[in-house]
Amino acid sequence: MIKDHEDFFNKFDKIVLYYDNGQESLGYILDSLFIRFDGFEHRINFDHKEKRLFQVSDMLTYIDKAIYKHKNNIKYKKSELYFFGNKELRKIAKELNKKRF
C-alpha cells in the first residue's frame, strides 16, 4: 500500500511515526518501509496523553485487524471484541472506506 501511494507520502515535508515499539519486529518493518521518505522520523518515547494521534492510530490498527479477520474468516479472540461487536465493526469499516484514498 505504501509503495502504491508513494506520491501521496512524498507530498509531505515530514512523516512522523509514533510507535512505541510494543512489538519490536513491527517497529523494524515500519522503519524499513518509511525510511525511503525524506524527513522520516520514528518517535518511540512520547507522552501518550498529549499525543492523541497515537491513540487514534492504535484504534484504526485494531479495526483494520478485525476487518481483515472478518474478511478471511479468522476467528476473533474474545478480547478483540471487547470494544466493538461485529455489527459495529462493519459500520465503522464502511465509514472508514469512504475516507480512504
PDB file of N, CA and C in Angstrom:
ATOM      1  N   MET A   1       0.829  -1.184   0.000  1.00  0.00           N
ATOM      2  CA  MET A   1       0.000   0.000   0.000  1.00  0.00           C
ATOM      3  C   MET A   1       0.881   1.258   0.000  1.00  0.00           C
ATOM      4  N   ILE A   2       1.930   1.242   0.773  1.00  0.00           N
ATOM      5  CA  ILE A   2       2.808   2.415   0.850  1.00  0.00           C
ATOM      6  C   ILE A   2       3.478   2.652  -0.499  1.00  0.00           C
ATOM      7  N   LYS A   3       3.964   1.597  -1.125  1.00  0.00           N
ATOM      8  CA  LYS A   3       4.607   1.740  -2.436  1.00  0.00           C
ATOM      9  C   LYS A   3       3.606   2.216  -3.487  1.00  0.00           C
ATOM     10  N   ASP A   4       2.380   1.701  -3.437  1.00  0.00           N
ATOM     11  CA  ASP A   4       1.351   2.112  -4.395  1.00  0.00           C
ATOM     12  C   ASP A   4       0.981   3.583  -4.248  1.00  0.00           C
ATOM     13  N   HIS A   5       1.156   4.138  -3.071  1.00  0.00           N
ATOM     14  CA  HIS A   5       0.771   5.526  -2.800  1.00  0.00           C
ATOM     15  C   HIS A   5       1.978   6.391  -2.432  1.00  0.00           C
ATOM     16  N   GLU A   6       3.124   6.041  -2.988  1.00  0.00           N
ATOM     17  CA  GLU A   6       4.359   6.760  -2.705  1.00  0.00           C
ATOM     18  C   GLU A   6       4.247   8.247  -3.031  1.00  0.00           C
ATOM     19  N   ASP A   7       3.562   8.597  -4.112  1.00  0.00           N
ATOM     20  CA  ASP A   7       3.380  10.007  -4.480  1.00  0.00           C
ATOM     21  C   ASP A   7       2.657  10.771  -3.375  1.00  0.00           C
ATOM     22  N   PHE A   8       1.671  10.133  -2.767  1.00  0.00           N
ATOM     23  CA  PHE A   8       0.936  10.762  -1.662  1.00  0.00           C
ATOM     24  C   PHE A   8       1.881  11.089  -0.506  1.00  0.00           C
ATOM     25  N   PHE A   9       2.693  10.127  -0.107  1.00  0.00           N
ATOM     26  CA  PHE A   9       3.602  10.332   1.021  1.00  0.00           C
ATOM     27  C   PHE A   9       4.695  11.350   0.703  1.00  0.00           C
ATOM     28  N   ASN A  10       5.105  11.415  -0.553  1.00  0.00           N
ATOM     29  CA  ASN A  10       6.147  12.362  -0.947  1.00  0.00           C
ATOM     30  C   ASN A  10       5.677  13.818  -0.904  1.00  0.00           C
ATOM     31  N   LYS A  11       4.386  14.051  -0.782  1.00  0.00           N
ATOM     32  CA  LYS A  11       3.859  15.413  -0.699  1.00  0.00           C
ATOM     33  C   LYS A  11       4.200  16.086   0.627  1.00  0.00           C
ATOM     34  N   PHE A  12       4.555  15.300   1.622  1.00  0.00           N
ATOM     35  CA  PHE A  12       4.791  15.835   2.957  1.00  0.00           C
ATOM     36  C   PHE A  12       6.266  16.152   3.178  1.00  0.00           C
ATOM     37  N   ASP A  13       6.515  17.245   3.891  1.00  0.00           N
ATOM     38  CA  ASP A  13       7.884  17.605   4.240  1.00  0.00           C
ATOM     39  C   ASP A  13       8.440  16.676   5.307  1.00  0.00           C
ATOM     40  N   LYS A  14       7.547  16.160   6.127  1.00  0.00           N
ATOM     41  CA  LYS A  14       7.982  15.333   7.239  1.00  0.00           C
ATOM     42  C   LYS A  14       6.918  14.270   7.513  1.00  0.00           C
ATOM     43  N   ILE A  15       7.358  13.054   7.775  1.00  0.00           N
ATOM     44  CA  ILE A  15       6.475  11.969   8.196  1.00  0.00           C
ATOM     45  C   ILE A  15       6.963  11.511   9.557  1.00  0.00           C
ATOM     46  N   VAL A  16       6.090  11.585  10.536  1.00  0.00           N
ATOM     47  CA  VAL A  16       6.448  11.169  11.887  1.00  0.00           C
ATOM     48  C   VAL A  16       5.646   9.930  12.242  1.00  0.00           C
ATOM     49  N   LEU A  17       6.345   8.878  12.591  1.00  0.00           N
ATOM     50  CA  LEU A  17       5.729   7.630  13.016  1.00  0.00           C
ATOM     51  C   LEU A  17       5.772   7.578  14.536  1.00  0.00           C
ATOM     52  N   TYR A  18       4.611   7.599  15.160  1.00  0.00           N
ATOM     53  CA  TYR A  18       4.511   7.452  16.605  1.00  0.00           C
ATOM     54  C   TYR A  18       4.226   5.990  16.900  1.00  0.00           C
ATOM     55  N   TYR A  19       5.267   5.252  17.230  1.00  0.00           N
ATOM     56  CA  TYR A  19       5.098   3.835  17.568  1.00  0.00           C
ATOM     57  C   TYR A  19       6.090   3.515  18.672  1.00  0.00           C
ATOM     58  N   ASP A  20       5.586   3.009  19.780  1.00  0.00           N
ATOM     59  CA  ASP A  20       6.416   2.799  20.960  1.00  0.00           C
ATOM     60  C   ASP A  20       7.165   1.477  20.957  1.00  0.00           C
ATOM     61  N   ASN A  21       7.207   0.801  19.818  1.00  0.00           N
ATOM     62  CA  ASN A  21       7.887  -0.481  19.663  1.00  0.00           C
ATOM     63  C   ASN A  21       7.348  -1.548  20.610  1.00  0.00           C
ATOM     64  N   GLY A  22       6.029  -1.482  20.853  1.00  0.00           N
ATOM     65  CA  GLY A  22       5.386  -2.514  21.657  1.00  0.00           C
ATOM     66  C   GLY A  22       5.637  -3.897  21.059  1.00  0.00           C
ATOM     67  N   GLN A  23       5.690  -3.953  19.758  1.00  0.00           N
ATOM     68  CA  GLN A  23       6.102  -5.169  19.043  1.00  0.00           C
ATOM     69  C   GLN A  23       7.333  -4.754  18.231  1.00  0.00           C
ATOM     70  N   GLU A  24       8.486  -5.091  18.758  1.00  0.00           N
ATOM     71  CA  GLU A  24       9.748  -4.603  18.188  1.00  0.00           C
ATOM     72  C   GLU A  24       9.883  -4.947  16.702  1.00  0.00           C
ATOM     73  N   SER A  25       9.499  -6.154  16.307  1.00  0.00           N
ATOM     74  CA  SER A  25       9.639  -6.534  14.894  1.00  0.00           C
ATOM     75  C   SER A  25       8.753  -5.669  13.995  1.00  0.00           C
ATOM     76  N   LEU A  26       7.582  -5.265  14.479  1.00  0.00           N
ATOM     77  CA  LEU A  26       6.730  -4.362  13.710  1.00  0.00           C
ATOM     78  C   LEU A  26       7.398  -3.000  13.565  1.00  0.00           C
ATOM     79  N   GLY A  27       8.068  -2.538  14.607  1.00  0.00           N
ATOM     80  CA  GLY A  27       8.812  -1.281  14.539  1.00  0.00           C
ATOM     81  C   GLY A  27       9.875  -1.319  13.449  1.00  0.00           C
ATOM     82  N   TYR A  28      10.600  -2.443  13.341  1.00  0.00           N
ATOM     83  CA  TYR A  28      11.616  -2.598  12.296  1.00  0.00           C
ATOM     84  C   TYR A  28      10.984  -2.580  10.902  1.00  0.00           C
ATOM     85  N   ILE A  29       9.853  -3.242  10.767  1.00  0.00           N
ATOM     86  CA  ILE A  29       9.167  -3.287   9.472  1.00  0.00           C
ATOM     87  C   ILE A  29       8.718  -1.887   9.065  1.00  0.00           C
ATOM     88  N   LEU A  30       8.101  -1.170   9.995  1.00  0.00           N
ATOM     89  CA  LEU A  30       7.639   0.184   9.696  1.00  0.00           C
ATOM     90  C   LEU A  30       8.806   1.093   9.327  1.00  0.00           C
ATOM     91  N   ASP A  31       9.901   0.996  10.074  1.00  0.00           N
ATOM     92  CA  ASP A  31      11.088   1.792   9.751  1.00  0.00           C
ATOM     93  C   ASP A  31      11.584   1.489   8.341  1.00  0.00           C
ATOM     94  N   SER A  32      11.649   0.202   7.992  1.00  0.00           N
ATOM     95  CA  SER A  32      12.178  -0.163   6.668  1.00  0.00           C
ATOM     96  C   SER A  32      11.261   0.312   5.538  1.00  0.00           C
ATOM     97  N   LEU A  33       9.966   0.457   5.815  1.00  0.00           N
ATOM     98  CA  LEU A  33       9.041   0.935   4.793  1.00  0.00           C
ATOM     99  C   LEU A  33       9.102   2.447   4.603  1.00  0.00           C
ATOM    100  N   PHE A  34       9.278   3.176   5.694  1.00  0.00           N
ATOM    101  CA  PHE A  34       9.201   4.635   5.629  1.00  0.00           C
ATOM    102  C   PHE A  34      10.557   5.329   5.508  1.00  0.00           C
ATOM    103  N   ILE A  35      11.647   4.617   5.689  1.00  0.00           N
ATOM    104  CA  ILE A  35      12.974   5.235   5.676  1.00  0.00           C
ATOM    105  C   ILE A  35      13.281   5.880   4.321  1.00  0.00           C
ATOM    106  N   ARG A  36      12.625   5.425   3.276  1.00  0.00           N
ATOM    107  CA  ARG A  36      12.866   5.968   1.923  1.00  0.00           C
ATOM    108  C   ARG A  36      12.387   7.404   1.758  1.00  0.00           C
ATOM    109  N   PHE A  37      11.530   7.875   2.667  1.00  0.00           N
ATOM    110  CA  PHE A  37      10.967   9.213   2.549  1.00  0.00           C
ATOM    111  C   PHE A  37      11.820  10.227   3.290  1.00  0.00           C
ATOM    112  N   ASP A  38      12.060  11.369   2.623  1.00  0.00           N
ATOM    113  CA  ASP A  38      12.807  12.455   3.255  1.00  0.00           C
ATOM    114  C   ASP A  38      12.029  12.959   4.461  1.00  0.00           C
ATOM    115  N   GLY A  39      12.728  13.275   5.516  1.00  0.00           N
ATOM    116  CA  GLY A  39      12.089  13.836   6.697  1.00  0.00           C
ATOM    117  C   GLY A  39      11.377  12.805   7.552  1.00  0.00           C
ATOM    118  N   PHE A  40      11.651  11.515   7.346  1.00  0.00           N
ATOM    119  CA  PHE A  40      11.019  10.485   8.160  1.00  0.00           C
ATOM    120  C   PHE A  40      11.614  10.477   9.569  1.00  0.00           C
ATOM    121  N   GLU A  41      10.744  10.387  10.546  1.00  0.00           N
ATOM    122  CA  GLU A  41      11.171  10.344  11.943  1.00  0.00           C
ATOM    123  C   GLU A  41      10.315   9.329  12.685  1.00  0.00           C
ATOM    124  N   HIS A  42      10.962   8.431  13.402  1.00  0.00           N
ATOM    125  CA  HIS A  42      10.263   7.430  14.216  1.00  0.00           C
ATOM    126  C   HIS A  42      10.427   7.828  15.684  1.00  0.00           C
ATOM    127  N   ARG A  43       9.320   8.183  16.299  1.00  0.00           N
ATOM    128  CA  ARG A  43       9.354   8.576  17.709  1.00  0.00           C
ATOM    129  C   ARG A  43       8.877   7.416  18.575  1.00  0.00           C
ATOM    130  N   ILE A  44       9.754   6.994  19.450  1.00  0.00           N
ATOM    131  CA  ILE A  44       9.456   5.878  20.349  1.00  0.00           C
ATOM    132  C   ILE A  44       9.012   6.402  21.711  1.00  0.00           C
ATOM    133  N   ASN A  45       9.710   7.385  22.204  1.00  0.00           N
ATOM    134  CA  ASN A  45       9.394   7.948  23.513  1.00  0.00           C
ATOM    135  C   ASN A  45       8.570   9.218  23.336  1.00  0.00           C
ATOM    136  N   PHE A  46       7.333   9.167  23.776  1.00  0.00           N
ATOM    137  CA  PHE A  46       6.456  10.324  23.687  1.00  0.00           C
ATOM    138  C   PHE A  46       5.380  10.188  24.748  1.00  0.00           C
ATOM    139  N   ASP A  47       4.781  11.291  25.079  1.00  0.00           N
ATOM    140  CA  ASP A  47       3.732  11.326  26.089  1.00  0.00           C
ATOM    141  C   ASP A  47       2.411  10.952  25.434  1.00  0.00           C
ATOM    142  N   HIS A  48       1.931   9.766  25.720  1.00  0.00           N
ATOM    143  CA  HIS A  48       0.706   9.265  25.084  1.00  0.00           C
ATOM    144  C   HIS A  48      -0.510  10.120  25.415  1.00  0.00           C
ATOM    145  N   LYS A  49      -0.516  10.750  26.575  1.00  0.00           N
ATOM    146  CA  LYS A  49      -1.658  11.586  26.952  1.00  0.00           C
ATOM    147  C   LYS A  49      -1.746  12.814  26.061  1.00  0.00           C
ATOM    148  N   GLU A  50      -0.605  13.324  25.657  1.00  0.00           N
ATOM    149  CA  GLU A  50      -0.581  14.511  24.809  1.00  0.00           C
ATOM    150  C   GLU A  50      -0.701  14.160  23.326  1.00  0.00           C
ATOM    151  N   LYS A  51      -0.389  12.967  22.978  1.00  0.00           N
ATOM    152  CA  LYS A  51      -0.369  12.572  21.569  1.00  0.00           C
ATOM    153  C   LYS A  51      -1.605  11.741  21.236  1.00  0.00           C
ATOM    154  N   ARG A  52      -2.704  12.410  21.038  1.00  0.00           N
ATOM    155  CA  ARG A  52      -3.957  11.728  20.718  1.00  0.00           C
ATOM    156  C   ARG A  52      -3.849  10.954  19.401  1.00  0.00           C
ATOM    157  N   LEU A  53      -2.966  11.392  18.530  1.00  0.00           N
ATOM    158  CA  LEU A  53      -2.771  10.712  17.259  1.00  0.00           C
ATOM    159  C   LEU A  53      -2.384   9.256  17.485  1.00  0.00           C
ATOM    160  N   PHE A  54      -1.572   9.004  18.498  1.00  0.00           N
ATOM    161  CA  PHE A  54      -1.167   7.637  18.808  1.00  0.00           C
ATOM    162  C   PHE A  54      -2.390   6.788  19.135  1.00  0.00           C
ATOM    163  N   GLN A  55      -3.281   7.327  19.920  1.00  0.00           N
ATOM    164  CA  GLN A  55      -4.470   6.583  20.318  1.00  0.00           C
ATOM    165  C   GLN A  55      -5.386   6.322  19.129  1.00  0.00           C
ATOM    166  N   VAL A  56      -5.510   7.301  18.260  1.00  0.00           N
ATOM    167  CA  VAL A  56      -6.347   7.136  17.073  1.00  0.00           C
ATOM    168  C   VAL A  56      -5.737   6.079  16.151  1.00  0.00           C
ATOM    169  N   SER A  57      -4.431   6.158  15.925  1.00  0.00           N
ATOM    170  CA  SER A  57      -3.790   5.189  15.033  1.00  0.00           C
ATOM    171  C   SER A  57      -3.856   3.783  15.621  1.00  0.00           C
ATOM    172  N   ASP A  58      -3.766   3.679  16.929  1.00  0.00           N
ATOM    173  CA  ASP A  58      -3.880   2.380  17.582  1.00  0.00           C
ATOM    174  C   ASP A  58      -5.279   1.801  17.367  1.00  0.00           C
ATOM    175  N   MET A  59      -6.299   2.644  17.482  1.00  0.00           N
ATOM    176  CA  MET A  59      -7.665   2.184  17.272  1.00  0.00           C
ATOM    177  C   MET A  59      -7.883   1.772  15.817  1.00  0.00           C
ATOM    178  N   LEU A  60      -7.356   2.553  14.867  1.00  0.00           N
ATOM    179  CA  LEU A  60      -7.508   2.208  13.453  1.00  0.00           C
ATOM    180  C   LEU A  60      -6.814   0.889  13.121  1.00  0.00           C
ATOM    181  N   THR A  61      -5.670   0.654  13.724  1.00  0.00           N
ATOM    182  CA  THR A  61      -4.967  -0.610  13.526  1.00  0.00           C
ATOM    183  C   THR A  61      -5.803  -1.764  14.053  1.00  0.00           C
ATOM    184  N   TYR A  62      -6.382  -1.567  15.219  1.00  0.00           N
ATOM    185  CA  TYR A  62      -7.260  -2.577  15.819  1.00  0.00           C
ATOM    186  C   TYR A  62      -8.442  -2.875  14.886  1.00  0.00           C
ATOM    187  N   ILE A  63      -9.057  -1.834  14.354  1.00  0.00           N
ATOM    188  CA  ILE A  63     -10.218  -2.009  13.471  1.00  0.00           C
ATOM    189  C   ILE A  63      -9.810  -2.701  12.174  1.00  0.00           C
ATOM    190  N   ASP A  64      -8.674  -2.300  11.588  1.00  0.00           N
ATOM    191  CA  ASP A  64      -8.207  -2.942  10.358  1.00  0.00           C
ATOM    192  C   ASP A  64      -7.925  -4.426  10.577  1.00  0.00           C
ATOM    193  N   LYS A  65      -7.366  -4.745  11.715  1.00  0.00           N
ATOM    194  CA  LYS A  65      -7.092  -6.150  12.039  1.00  0.00           C
ATOM    195  C   LYS A  65      -8.404  -6.929  12.142  1.00  0.00           C
ATOM    196  N   ALA A  66      -9.393  -6.348  12.780  1.00  0.00           N
ATOM    197  CA  ALA A  66     -10.692  -7.012  12.916  1.00  0.00           C
ATOM    198  C   ALA A  66     -11.358  -7.199  11.553  1.00  0.00           C
ATOM    199  N   ILE A  67     -11.270  -6.193  10.699  1.00  0.00           N
ATOM    200  CA  ILE A  67     -11.842  -6.283   9.351  1.00  0.00           C
ATOM    201  C   ILE A  67     -11.139  -7.379   8.548  1.00  0.00           C
ATOM    202  N   TYR A  68      -9.812  -7.418   8.653  1.00  0.00           N
ATOM    203  CA  TYR A  68      -9.027  -8.456   7.971  1.00  0.00           C
ATOM    204  C   TYR A  68      -9.471  -9.849   8.421  1.00  0.00           C
ATOM    205  N   LYS A  69      -9.617 -10.014   9.726  1.00  0.00           N
ATOM    206  CA  LYS A  69     -10.037 -11.315  10.256  1.00  0.00           C
ATOM    207  C   LYS A  69     -11.428 -11.674   9.755  1.00  0.00           C
ATOM    208  N   HIS A  70     -12.327 -10.698   9.712  1.00  0.00           N
ATOM    209  CA  HIS A  70     -13.692 -10.953   9.238  1.00  0.00           C
ATOM    210  C   HIS A  70     -13.674 -11.385   7.771  1.00  0.00           C
ATOM    211  N   LYS A  71     -12.939 -10.659   6.934  1.00  0.00           N
ATOM    212  CA  LYS A  71     -12.890 -10.961   5.500  1.00  0.00           C
ATOM    213  C   LYS A  71     -12.271 -12.334   5.220  1.00  0.00           C
ATOM    214  N   ASN A  72     -11.354 -12.763   6.080  1.00  0.00           N
ATOM    215  CA  ASN A  72     -10.636 -14.021   5.864  1.00  0.00           C
ATOM    216  C   ASN A  72     -11.131 -15.155   6.758  1.00  0.00           C
ATOM    217  N   ASN A  73     -12.306 -14.946   7.362  1.00  0.00           N
ATOM    218  CA  ASN A  73     -12.935 -15.960   8.219  1.00  0.00           C
ATOM    219  C   ASN A  73     -11.996 -16.489   9.304  1.00  0.00           C
ATOM    220  N   ILE A  74     -11.264 -15.576   9.926  1.00  0.00           N
ATOM    221  CA  ILE A  74     -10.393 -15.925  11.043  1.00  0.00           C
ATOM    222  C   ILE A  74     -11.141 -15.571  12.325  1.00  0.00           C
ATOM    223  N   LYS A  75     -11.183 -16.498  13.250  1.00  0.00           N
ATOM    224  CA  LYS A  75     -11.930 -16.261  14.490  1.00  0.00           C
ATOM    225  C   LYS A  75     -11.303 -15.133  15.300  1.00  0.00           C
ATOM    226  N   TYR A  76     -12.179 -14.362  15.927  1.00  0.00           N
ATOM    227  CA  TYR A  76     -11.736 -13.313  16.837  1.00  0.00           C
ATOM    228  C   TYR A  76     -11.433 -13.927  18.199  1.00  0.00           C
ATOM    229  N   LYS A  77     -10.464 -13.356  18.873  1.00  0.00           N
ATOM    230  CA  LYS A  77     -10.274 -13.676  20.284  1.00  0.00           C
ATOM    231  C   LYS A  77     -11.352 -12.926  21.048  1.00  0.00           C
ATOM    232  N   LYS A  78     -11.738 -13.442  22.169  1.00  0.00           N
ATOM    233  CA  LYS A  78     -12.781 -12.792  22.954  1.00  0.00           C
ATOM    234  C   LYS A  78     -12.384 -11.346  23.271  1.00  0.00           C
ATOM    235  N   SER A  79     -11.115 -11.130  23.575  1.00  0.00           N
ATOM    236  CA  SER A  79     -10.634  -9.787  23.923  1.00  0.00           C
ATOM    237  C   SER A  79     -10.711  -8.819  22.754  1.00  0.00           C
ATOM    238  N   GLU A  80     -10.700  -9.333  21.514  1.00  0.00           N
ATOM    239  CA  GLU A  80     -10.745  -8.468  20.341  1.00  0.00           C
ATOM    240  C   GLU A  80     -12.136  -7.877  20.112  1.00  0.00           C
ATOM    241  N   LEU A  81     -13.140  -8.453  20.713  1.00  0.00           N
ATOM    242  CA  LEU A  81     -14.494  -7.937  20.571  1.00  0.00           C
ATOM    243  C   LEU A  81     -14.915  -7.146  21.806  1.00  0.00           C
ATOM    244  N   TYR A  82     -13.945  -6.745  22.596  1.00  0.00           N
ATOM    245  CA  TYR A  82     -14.224  -6.014  23.828  1.00  0.00           C
ATOM    246  C   TYR A  82     -14.840  -4.641  23.546  1.00  0.00           C
ATOM    247  N   PHE A  83     -14.287  -3.924  22.574  1.00  0.00           N
ATOM    248  CA  PHE A  83     -14.733  -2.566  22.285  1.00  0.00           C
ATOM    249  C   PHE A  83     -15.915  -2.516  21.325  1.00  0.00           C
ATOM    250  N   PHE A  84     -15.903  -3.378  20.300  1.00  0.00           N
ATOM    251  CA  PHE A  84     -16.924  -3.341  19.273  1.00  0.00           C
ATOM    252  C   PHE A  84     -17.390  -4.752  18.942  1.00  0.00           C
ATOM    253  N   GLY A  85     -18.671  -4.881  18.641  1.00  0.00           N
ATOM    254  CA  GLY A  85     -19.215  -6.142  18.142  1.00  0.00           C
ATOM    255  C   GLY A  85     -19.117  -6.172  16.628  1.00  0.00           C
ATOM    256  N   ASN A  86     -19.494  -7.295  16.024  1.00  0.00           N
ATOM    257  CA  ASN A  86     -19.408  -7.448  14.562  1.00  0.00           C
ATOM    258  C   ASN A  86     -20.185  -6.368  13.820  1.00  0.00           C
ATOM    259  N   LYS A  87     -21.393  -6.088  14.278  1.00  0.00           N
ATOM    260  CA  LYS A  87     -22.237  -5.098  13.612  1.00  0.00           C
ATOM    261  C   LYS A  87     -21.589  -3.711  13.648  1.00  0.00           C
ATOM    262  N   GLU A  88     -21.052  -3.350  14.795  1.00  0.00           N
ATOM    263  CA  GLU A  88     -20.391  -2.042  14.934  1.00  0.00           C
ATOM    264  C   GLU A  88     -19.144  -1.966  14.075  1.00  0.00           C
ATOM    265  N   LEU A  89     -18.365  -3.054  14.022  1.00  0.00           N
ATOM    266  CA  LEU A  89     -17.154  -3.066  13.195  1.00  0.00           C
ATOM    267  C   LEU A  89     -17.487  -2.881  11.716  1.00  0.00           C
ATOM    268  N   ARG A  90     -18.543  -3.522  11.256  1.00  0.00           N
ATOM    269  CA  ARG A  90     -18.936  -3.362   9.845  1.00  0.00           C
ATOM    270  C   ARG A  90     -19.327  -1.916   9.552  1.00  0.00           C
ATOM    271  N   LYS A  91     -20.049  -1.291  10.471  1.00  0.00           N
ATOM    272  CA  LYS A  91     -20.452   0.108  10.292  1.00  0.00           C
ATOM    273  C   LYS A  91     -19.224   1.023  10.267  1.00  0.00           C
ATOM    274  N   ILE A  92     -18.291   0.805  11.179  1.00  0.00           N
ATOM    275  CA  ILE A  92     -17.062   1.601  11.230  1.00  0.00           C
ATOM    276  C   ILE A  92     -16.252   1.396   9.955  1.00  0.00           C
ATOM    277  N   ALA A  93     -16.131   0.143   9.507  1.00  0.00           N
ATOM    278  CA  ALA A  93     -15.372  -0.162   8.288  1.00  0.00           C
ATOM    279  C   ALA A  93     -15.960   0.562   7.085  1.00  0.00           C
ATOM    280  N   LYS A  94     -17.266   0.586   7.005  1.00  0.00           N
ATOM    281  CA  LYS A  94     -17.935   1.269   5.892  1.00  0.00           C
ATOM    282  C   LYS A  94     -17.601   2.759   5.902  1.00  0.00           C
ATOM    283  N   GLU A  95     -17.643   3.380   7.062  1.00  0.00           N
ATOM    284  CA  GLU A  95     -17.322   4.804   7.179  1.00  0.00           C
ATOM    285  C   GLU A  95     -15.845   5.072   6.868  1.00  0.00           C
ATOM    286  N   LEU A  96     -14.961   4.208   7.353  1.00  0.00           N
ATOM    287  CA  LEU A  96     -13.529   4.385   7.086  1.00  0.00           C
ATOM    288  C   LEU A  96     -13.215   4.268   5.607  1.00  0.00           C
ATOM    289  N   ASN A  97     -13.852   3.335   4.928  1.00  0.00           N
ATOM    290  CA  ASN A  97     -13.601   3.150   3.488  1.00  0.00           C
ATOM    291  C   ASN A  97     -13.979   4.387   2.686  1.00  0.00           C
ATOM    292  N   LYS A  98     -14.953   5.139   3.145  1.00  0.00           N
ATOM    293  CA  LYS A  98     -15.338   6.384   2.469  1.00  0.00           C
ATOM    294  C   LYS A  98     -14.231   7.434   2.563  1.00  0.00           C
ATOM    295  N   LYS A  99     -13.407   7.355   3.603  1.00  0.00           N
ATOM    296  CA  LYS A  99     -12.400   8.382   3.873  1.00  0.00           C
ATOM    297  C   LYS A  99     -11.012   8.014   3.355  1.00  0.00           C
ATOM    298  N   ARG A 100     -10.854   6.781   2.922  1.00  0.00           N
ATOM    299  CA  ARG A 100      -9.537   6.346   2.440  1.00  0.00           C
ATOM    300  C   ARG A 100      -9.334   6.736   1.004  1.00  0.00           C
ATOM    301  N   PHE A 101      -8.048   6.863   0.640  1.00  0.00           N
ATOM    302  CA  PHE A 101      -7.738   7.247  -0.734  1.00  0.00           C
ATOM    303  C   PHE A 101      -7.808   6.074  -1.651  1.00  0.00           C
TER     304      PHE A 101
END
